[in-house]
Amino acid sequence: MFLPFRKITHTFLFNSCLFLLLIVGIQNSSNRNKVDFLFDKTVDLPIGFILGTSFISGTILGSLFTINFGNKN
């Protein structure tokens, strides 16, 4: 029962640390680009921030897909 909770906690803690390092490291980036959504565009964002948040969200979703919430009785 505690294994999925522990795995989720570790995943979010690790990715939060990565996100903080990304925010600190990206401050002097000068290459900026807009992200195209279906109906609108975002403000100019650093390319490293776009790639970093994409990686972080992928690791969170990937770790959540591997959790088995079924009963082990």
N, C-alpha and C. Protein backbone atom coordinates (compact mmCIF):
# COMPACT_ATOMS: atom_id res chain seq x y z
N MET A 1 0.81 -1.20 0.00
CA MET A 1 0.00 0.00 0.00
C MET A 1 0.85 1.25 0.00
N PHE A 2 1.95 1.22 0.74
CA PHE A 2 2.78 2.41 0.83
C PHE A 2 3.74 2.55 -0.34
N LEU A 3 3.95 1.49 -1.10
CA LEU A 3 4.89 1.56 -2.22
C LEU A 3 4.45 2.54 -3.30
N PRO A 4 3.19 2.54 -3.77
CA PRO A 4 2.80 3.54 -4.77
C PRO A 4 2.89 4.97 -4.23
N PHE A 5 2.50 5.18 -2.98
CA PHE A 5 2.59 6.51 -2.39
C PHE A 5 4.04 6.96 -2.30
N ARG A 6 4.93 6.06 -1.92
CA ARG A 6 6.35 6.39 -1.82
C ARG A 6 6.95 6.69 -3.19
N LYS A 7 6.55 5.91 -4.19
CA LYS A 7 7.06 6.15 -5.54
C LYS A 7 6.58 7.49 -6.10
N ILE A 8 5.31 7.82 -5.86
CA ILE A 8 4.78 9.10 -6.32
C ILE A 8 5.48 10.25 -5.61
N THR A 9 5.70 10.10 -4.30
CA THR A 9 6.38 11.14 -3.53
C THR A 9 7.80 11.36 -4.03
N HIS A 10 8.53 10.27 -4.27
CA HIS A 10 9.90 10.40 -4.77
C HIS A 10 9.93 11.03 -6.16
N THR A 11 8.98 10.65 -6.99
CA THR A 11 8.93 11.20 -8.34
C THR A 11 8.69 12.71 -8.32
N PHE A 12 7.72 13.14 -7.54
CA PHE A 12 7.43 14.57 -7.49
C PHE A 12 8.54 15.36 -6.81
N LEU A 13 9.17 14.78 -5.79
CA LEU A 13 10.28 15.46 -5.13
C LEU A 13 11.47 15.62 -6.07
N PHE A 14 11.82 14.55 -6.77
CA PHE A 14 12.94 14.60 -7.71
C PHE A 14 12.67 15.58 -8.84
N ASN A 15 11.47 15.53 -9.42
CA ASN A 15 11.15 16.41 -10.54
C ASN A 15 10.99 17.86 -10.10
N SER A 16 10.58 18.09 -8.86
CA SER A 16 10.52 19.46 -8.35
C SER A 16 11.92 20.04 -8.21
N CYS A 17 12.85 19.22 -7.76
CA CYS A 17 14.25 19.67 -7.69
C CYS A 17 14.80 19.96 -9.08
N LEU A 18 14.48 19.12 -10.04
CA LEU A 18 14.91 19.39 -11.42
C LEU A 18 14.31 20.68 -11.96
N PHE A 19 13.05 20.93 -11.63
CA PHE A 19 12.38 22.14 -12.09
C PHE A 19 13.03 23.38 -11.47
N LEU A 20 13.37 23.33 -10.20
CA LEU A 20 14.04 24.46 -9.56
C LEU A 20 15.40 24.72 -10.18
N LEU A 21 16.15 23.66 -10.46
CA LEU A 21 17.44 23.82 -11.14
C LEU A 21 17.25 24.39 -12.54
N LEU A 22 16.20 23.98 -13.21
CA LEU A 22 15.90 24.51 -14.55
C LEU A 22 15.60 25.99 -14.49
N ILE A 23 14.81 26.42 -13.51
CA ILE A 23 14.47 27.84 -13.37
C ILE A 23 15.72 28.67 -13.09
N VAL A 24 16.58 28.19 -12.20
CA VAL A 24 17.79 28.93 -11.87
C VAL A 24 18.75 28.96 -13.05
N GLY A 25 18.88 27.87 -13.76
CA GLY A 25 19.84 27.80 -14.86
C GLY A 25 19.41 28.49 -16.12
N ILE A 26 18.13 28.73 -16.31
CA ILE A 26 17.62 29.26 -17.56
C ILE A 26 17.58 30.78 -17.58
N GLN A 27 17.94 31.44 -16.51
CA GLN A 27 17.75 32.87 -16.40
C GLN A 27 18.56 33.69 -17.40
N ASN A 28 19.69 33.21 -17.82
CA ASN A 28 20.52 33.97 -18.76
C ASN A 28 20.37 33.49 -20.20
N SER A 29 19.36 32.72 -20.48
CA SER A 29 19.17 32.21 -21.84
C SER A 29 18.61 33.31 -22.73
N SER A 30 19.17 33.45 -23.91
CA SER A 30 18.72 34.51 -24.82
C SER A 30 17.92 33.95 -26.01
N ASN A 31 18.01 32.65 -26.29
CA ASN A 31 17.25 32.07 -27.39
C ASN A 31 15.82 31.84 -26.94
N ARG A 32 14.89 32.52 -27.60
CA ARG A 32 13.48 32.42 -27.20
C ARG A 32 12.62 32.03 -28.39
N ASN A 33 11.51 31.37 -28.09
CA ASN A 33 10.61 30.91 -29.13
C ASN A 33 9.19 30.84 -28.54
N LYS A 34 8.19 30.81 -29.40
CA LYS A 34 6.81 30.68 -28.96
C LYS A 34 6.34 29.25 -29.17
N VAL A 35 5.48 28.78 -28.29
CA VAL A 35 4.88 27.45 -28.42
C VAL A 35 3.52 27.61 -29.08
N ASP A 36 3.28 26.85 -30.13
CA ASP A 36 2.00 26.91 -30.84
C ASP A 36 1.04 25.87 -30.27
N PHE A 37 -0.06 26.35 -29.71
CA PHE A 37 -1.15 25.47 -29.31
C PHE A 37 -2.15 25.44 -30.45
N LEU A 38 -3.25 24.74 -30.27
CA LEU A 38 -4.22 24.63 -31.35
C LEU A 38 -4.85 25.97 -31.71
N PHE A 39 -5.14 26.80 -30.71
CA PHE A 39 -5.85 28.03 -30.97
C PHE A 39 -5.05 29.30 -30.70
N ASP A 40 -3.93 29.19 -30.04
CA ASP A 40 -3.21 30.38 -29.62
C ASP A 40 -1.72 30.08 -29.50
N LYS A 41 -0.94 31.13 -29.29
CA LYS A 41 0.50 31.00 -29.06
C LYS A 41 0.83 31.52 -27.67
N THR A 42 1.93 31.04 -27.11
CA THR A 42 2.36 31.51 -25.81
C THR A 42 3.26 32.72 -25.97
N VAL A 43 3.68 33.28 -24.86
CA VAL A 43 4.66 34.35 -24.88
C VAL A 43 6.02 33.75 -25.24
N ASP A 44 6.99 34.58 -25.52
CA ASP A 44 8.33 34.10 -25.83
C ASP A 44 8.93 33.40 -24.61
N LEU A 45 9.26 32.13 -24.78
CA LEU A 45 9.86 31.34 -23.72
C LEU A 45 11.22 30.85 -24.18
N PRO A 46 12.18 30.72 -23.26
CA PRO A 46 13.48 30.15 -23.64
C PRO A 46 13.32 28.71 -24.11
N ILE A 47 14.07 28.35 -25.12
CA ILE A 47 13.96 27.01 -25.69
C ILE A 47 14.34 25.95 -24.67
N GLY A 48 15.32 26.23 -23.84
CA GLY A 48 15.71 25.29 -22.79
C GLY A 48 14.60 25.04 -21.79
N PHE A 49 13.82 26.07 -21.50
CA PHE A 49 12.70 25.91 -20.57
C PHE A 49 11.62 25.03 -21.19
N ILE A 50 11.36 25.21 -22.46
CA ILE A 50 10.37 24.39 -23.16
C ILE A 50 10.80 22.93 -23.15
N LEU A 51 12.06 22.67 -23.48
CA LEU A 51 12.56 21.30 -23.49
C LEU A 51 12.61 20.71 -22.09
N GLY A 52 13.02 21.50 -21.11
CA GLY A 52 13.12 21.01 -19.74
C GLY A 52 11.77 20.65 -19.14
N THR A 53 10.78 21.50 -19.34
CA THR A 53 9.45 21.19 -18.81
C THR A 53 8.83 20.00 -19.54
N SER A 54 9.14 19.86 -20.81
CA SER A 54 8.66 18.69 -21.55
C SER A 54 9.27 17.41 -20.98
N PHE A 55 10.55 17.44 -20.68
CA PHE A 55 11.22 16.28 -20.10
C PHE A 55 10.67 15.95 -18.72
N ILE A 56 10.48 16.97 -17.89
CA ILE A 56 9.98 16.76 -16.53
C ILE A 56 8.56 16.20 -16.55
N SER A 57 7.70 16.74 -17.39
CA SER A 57 6.33 16.22 -17.46
C SER A 57 6.32 14.80 -18.01
N GLY A 58 7.22 14.49 -18.92
CA GLY A 58 7.32 13.11 -19.44
C GLY A 58 7.78 12.13 -18.39
N THR A 59 8.72 12.52 -17.54
CA THR A 59 9.17 11.60 -16.49
C THR A 59 8.09 11.40 -15.43
N ILE A 60 7.31 12.44 -15.14
CA ILE A 60 6.22 12.28 -14.18
C ILE A 60 5.16 11.33 -14.73
N LEU A 61 4.74 11.55 -15.96
CA LEU A 61 3.72 10.68 -16.55
C LEU A 61 4.24 9.26 -16.74
N GLY A 62 5.48 9.12 -17.14
CA GLY A 62 6.05 7.78 -17.32
C GLY A 62 6.15 7.01 -16.03
N SER A 63 6.46 7.67 -14.94
CA SER A 63 6.54 6.97 -13.67
C SER A 63 5.16 6.64 -13.13
N LEU A 64 4.16 7.46 -13.43
CA LEU A 64 2.81 7.17 -12.97
C LEU A 64 2.18 6.01 -13.75
N PHE A 65 2.58 5.82 -14.99
CA PHE A 65 2.04 4.71 -15.78
C PHE A 65 2.52 3.36 -15.28
N THR A 66 3.67 3.31 -14.64
CA THR A 66 4.22 2.03 -14.20
C THR A 66 3.72 1.60 -12.84
N ILE A 67 2.95 2.42 -12.15
CA ILE A 67 2.44 2.07 -10.83
C ILE A 67 1.26 1.14 -10.97
N ASN A 68 1.31 0.04 -10.23
CA ASN A 68 0.21 -0.92 -10.22
C ASN A 68 -0.60 -0.72 -8.96
N PHE A 69 -1.82 -0.21 -9.10
CA PHE A 69 -2.68 0.07 -7.97
C PHE A 69 -3.57 -1.10 -7.58
N GLY A 70 -3.44 -2.24 -8.25
CA GLY A 70 -4.28 -3.38 -7.96
C GLY A 70 -3.93 -4.04 -6.64
N ASN A 71 -4.86 -4.82 -6.11
CA ASN A 71 -4.63 -5.55 -4.87
C ASN A 71 -3.70 -6.72 -5.11
N LYS A 72 -2.83 -7.01 -4.17
CA LYS A 72 -1.88 -8.10 -4.32
C LYS A 72 -2.28 -9.29 -3.45
N ASN A 73 -3.56 -9.47 -3.17
CA ASN A 73 -4.03 -10.56 -2.31
C ASN A 73 -4.00 -11.88 -3.02
